[in-house]
Amino acid sequence: MPFTLRCIQYMVTSILQEHVWCKKFAHGRESVVDEEETGRRAVSTTDATIAAVDSLMRSNRRVMR
């Protein structure tokens, strides 16, 4: 089975993530459970956002493609 670019990207990502985990455990981390993140949420769902997206999609259906 030949390697594809996607396979190589996945392998590199996995190796980098493994390196990050090793560093965290070397510096005292003891749990594999994700910690609660602080700061701004990655996703914000409000009525205004929903209305804006709905309006955009109705005005130009090609946005979805």
N, C-alpha and C. Protein backbone atom coordinates (compact mmCIF):
# COMPACT_ATOMS: atom_id res chain seq x y z
N MET A 1 0.85 -1.18 0.00
CA MET A 1 0.00 0.00 0.00
C MET A 1 0.90 1.24 0.00
N PRO A 2 0.82 2.06 -1.00
CA PRO A 2 1.69 3.24 -1.06
C PRO A 2 1.23 4.31 -0.06
N PHE A 3 2.20 5.05 0.43
CA PHE A 3 1.87 6.15 1.32
C PHE A 3 1.27 7.29 0.53
N THR A 4 0.24 7.85 1.04
CA THR A 4 -0.36 9.04 0.43
C THR A 4 0.03 10.24 1.29
N LEU A 5 -0.21 11.41 0.77
CA LEU A 5 0.09 12.62 1.52
C LEU A 5 -0.69 12.65 2.83
N ARG A 6 -1.92 12.17 2.80
CA ARG A 6 -2.74 12.14 4.02
C ARG A 6 -2.13 11.23 5.07
N CYS A 7 -1.62 10.07 4.64
CA CYS A 7 -0.97 9.14 5.58
C CYS A 7 0.25 9.80 6.22
N ILE A 8 1.04 10.47 5.40
CA ILE A 8 2.25 11.12 5.91
C ILE A 8 1.88 12.25 6.87
N GLN A 9 0.86 13.04 6.53
CA GLN A 9 0.42 14.12 7.42
C GLN A 9 -0.06 13.55 8.75
N TYR A 10 -0.79 12.43 8.71
CA TYR A 10 -1.28 11.82 9.94
C TYR A 10 -0.12 11.33 10.79
N MET A 11 0.87 10.71 10.16
CA MET A 11 2.02 10.20 10.90
C MET A 11 2.80 11.34 11.55
N VAL A 12 3.02 12.43 10.82
CA VAL A 12 3.75 13.57 11.36
C VAL A 12 2.98 14.18 12.51
N THR A 13 1.67 14.34 12.34
CA THR A 13 0.83 14.89 13.41
C THR A 13 0.89 14.00 14.64
N SER A 14 0.84 12.70 14.46
CA SER A 14 0.90 11.77 15.59
C SER A 14 2.23 11.85 16.31
N ILE A 15 3.31 11.93 15.55
CA ILE A 15 4.63 12.03 16.16
C ILE A 15 4.77 13.32 16.95
N LEU A 16 4.30 14.44 16.37
CA LEU A 16 4.37 15.71 17.07
C LEU A 16 3.52 15.70 18.34
N GLN A 17 2.33 15.10 18.26
CA GLN A 17 1.47 15.04 19.45
C GLN A 17 2.11 14.17 20.52
N GLU A 18 2.75 13.08 20.12
CA GLU A 18 3.44 12.22 21.07
C GLU A 18 4.56 13.00 21.77
N HIS A 19 5.28 13.82 21.02
CA HIS A 19 6.34 14.64 21.60
C HIS A 19 5.77 15.61 22.63
N VAL A 20 4.64 16.23 22.31
CA VAL A 20 3.99 17.17 23.24
C VAL A 20 3.61 16.45 24.52
N TRP A 21 3.00 15.27 24.41
CA TRP A 21 2.60 14.51 25.60
C TRP A 21 3.81 14.11 26.44
N CYS A 22 4.88 13.67 25.79
CA CYS A 22 6.09 13.28 26.54
C CYS A 22 6.64 14.46 27.32
N LYS A 23 6.66 15.64 26.70
CA LYS A 23 7.15 16.83 27.41
C LYS A 23 6.27 17.16 28.61
N LYS A 24 4.95 17.05 28.43
CA LYS A 24 4.03 17.36 29.53
C LYS A 24 4.23 16.41 30.70
N PHE A 25 4.37 15.12 30.43
CA PHE A 25 4.58 14.15 31.50
C PHE A 25 5.96 14.31 32.14
N ALA A 26 6.94 14.70 31.35
CA ALA A 26 8.28 14.93 31.89
C ALA A 26 8.29 16.13 32.84
N HIS A 27 7.36 17.06 32.62
CA HIS A 27 7.29 18.25 33.48
C HIS A 27 6.25 18.11 34.59
N GLY A 28 5.82 16.89 34.88
CA GLY A 28 4.99 16.67 36.06
C GLY A 28 3.54 16.32 35.83
N ARG A 29 3.07 16.30 34.62
CA ARG A 29 1.68 15.93 34.38
C ARG A 29 1.48 14.47 34.78
N GLU A 30 0.34 14.17 35.42
CA GLU A 30 0.10 12.81 35.90
C GLU A 30 -1.15 12.17 35.32
N SER A 31 -2.00 12.96 34.68
CA SER A 31 -3.28 12.44 34.20
C SER A 31 -3.36 12.53 32.67
N VAL A 32 -4.00 11.52 32.07
CA VAL A 32 -4.20 11.55 30.62
C VAL A 32 -5.53 12.21 30.26
N VAL A 33 -6.33 12.56 31.26
CA VAL A 33 -7.61 13.21 31.03
C VAL A 33 -7.36 14.67 30.68
N ASP A 34 -8.05 15.17 29.66
CA ASP A 34 -7.89 16.56 29.27
C ASP A 34 -8.30 17.49 30.40
N GLU A 35 -7.52 18.54 30.58
CA GLU A 35 -7.84 19.53 31.60
C GLU A 35 -8.85 20.52 31.04
N GLU A 36 -9.60 21.13 31.93
CA GLU A 36 -10.55 22.16 31.52
C GLU A 36 -9.78 23.34 30.95
N GLU A 37 -10.16 23.78 29.77
CA GLU A 37 -9.46 24.89 29.14
C GLU A 37 -10.05 26.21 29.61
N THR A 38 -9.16 27.18 29.74
CA THR A 38 -9.62 28.51 30.13
C THR A 38 -9.61 29.41 28.90
N GLY A 39 -10.28 30.52 29.02
CA GLY A 39 -10.28 31.47 27.91
C GLY A 39 -11.55 31.42 27.10
N ARG A 40 -11.47 32.03 25.96
CA ARG A 40 -12.64 32.14 25.09
C ARG A 40 -12.98 30.80 24.45
N ARG A 41 -14.27 30.52 24.34
CA ARG A 41 -14.71 29.29 23.71
C ARG A 41 -14.40 29.31 22.23
N ALA A 42 -14.13 28.14 21.68
CA ALA A 42 -13.82 28.05 20.26
C ALA A 42 -15.07 28.27 19.40
N VAL A 43 -16.23 27.92 19.94
CA VAL A 43 -17.49 28.05 19.20
C VAL A 43 -18.45 28.88 20.03
N SER A 44 -19.06 29.84 19.39
CA SER A 44 -20.04 30.67 20.06
C SER A 44 -21.34 30.64 19.26
N THR A 45 -22.38 30.10 19.86
CA THR A 45 -23.67 30.01 19.19
C THR A 45 -24.64 30.96 19.87
N THR A 46 -25.00 32.00 19.16
CA THR A 46 -25.99 32.95 19.67
C THR A 46 -27.07 33.13 18.62
N ASP A 47 -28.18 33.72 19.02
CA ASP A 47 -29.27 33.96 18.07
C ASP A 47 -28.80 34.86 16.93
N ALA A 48 -27.95 35.84 17.25
CA ALA A 48 -27.45 36.75 16.21
C ALA A 48 -26.58 36.01 15.20
N THR A 49 -25.73 35.11 15.68
CA THR A 49 -24.86 34.34 14.79
C THR A 49 -25.68 33.42 13.90
N ILE A 50 -26.66 32.76 14.48
CA ILE A 50 -27.53 31.86 13.72
C ILE A 50 -28.27 32.63 12.64
N ALA A 51 -28.79 33.79 13.00
CA ALA A 51 -29.53 34.61 12.03
C ALA A 51 -28.61 35.09 10.90
N ALA A 52 -27.38 35.47 11.24
CA ALA A 52 -26.44 35.95 10.22
C ALA A 52 -26.07 34.84 9.24
N VAL A 53 -25.82 33.64 9.75
CA VAL A 53 -25.47 32.50 8.89
C VAL A 53 -26.67 32.10 8.05
N ASP A 54 -27.84 32.08 8.64
CA ASP A 54 -29.06 31.74 7.91
C ASP A 54 -29.29 32.72 6.77
N SER A 55 -29.13 34.01 7.05
CA SER A 55 -29.31 35.03 6.02
C SER A 55 -28.28 34.87 4.89
N LEU A 56 -27.03 34.60 5.25
CA LEU A 56 -25.98 34.40 4.25
C LEU A 56 -26.28 33.20 3.36
N MET A 57 -26.71 32.11 3.97
CA MET A 57 -27.01 30.90 3.20
C MET A 57 -28.21 31.10 2.28
N ARG A 58 -29.21 31.82 2.74
CA ARG A 58 -30.39 32.05 1.91
C ARG A 58 -30.09 33.01 0.75
N SER A 59 -29.17 33.95 0.97
CA SER A 59 -28.86 34.91 -0.08
C SER A 59 -27.95 34.31 -1.16
N ASN A 60 -27.14 33.33 -0.79
CA ASN A 60 -26.23 32.72 -1.74
C ASN A 60 -26.07 31.24 -1.41
N ARG A 61 -26.84 30.40 -2.05
CA ARG A 61 -26.82 28.97 -1.75
C ARG A 61 -25.50 28.30 -2.11
N ARG A 62 -24.67 28.95 -2.94
CA ARG A 62 -23.39 28.36 -3.33
C ARG A 62 -22.37 28.41 -2.20
N VAL A 63 -22.66 29.14 -1.12
CA VAL A 63 -21.76 29.23 0.02
C VAL A 63 -21.50 27.86 0.61
N MET A 64 -22.47 26.99 0.55
CA MET A 64 -22.37 25.66 1.15
C MET A 64 -21.44 24.74 0.38
N ARG A 65 -21.10 25.03 -0.87
CA ARG A 65 -20.29 24.13 -1.67
C ARG A 65 -18.88 24.45 -1.62
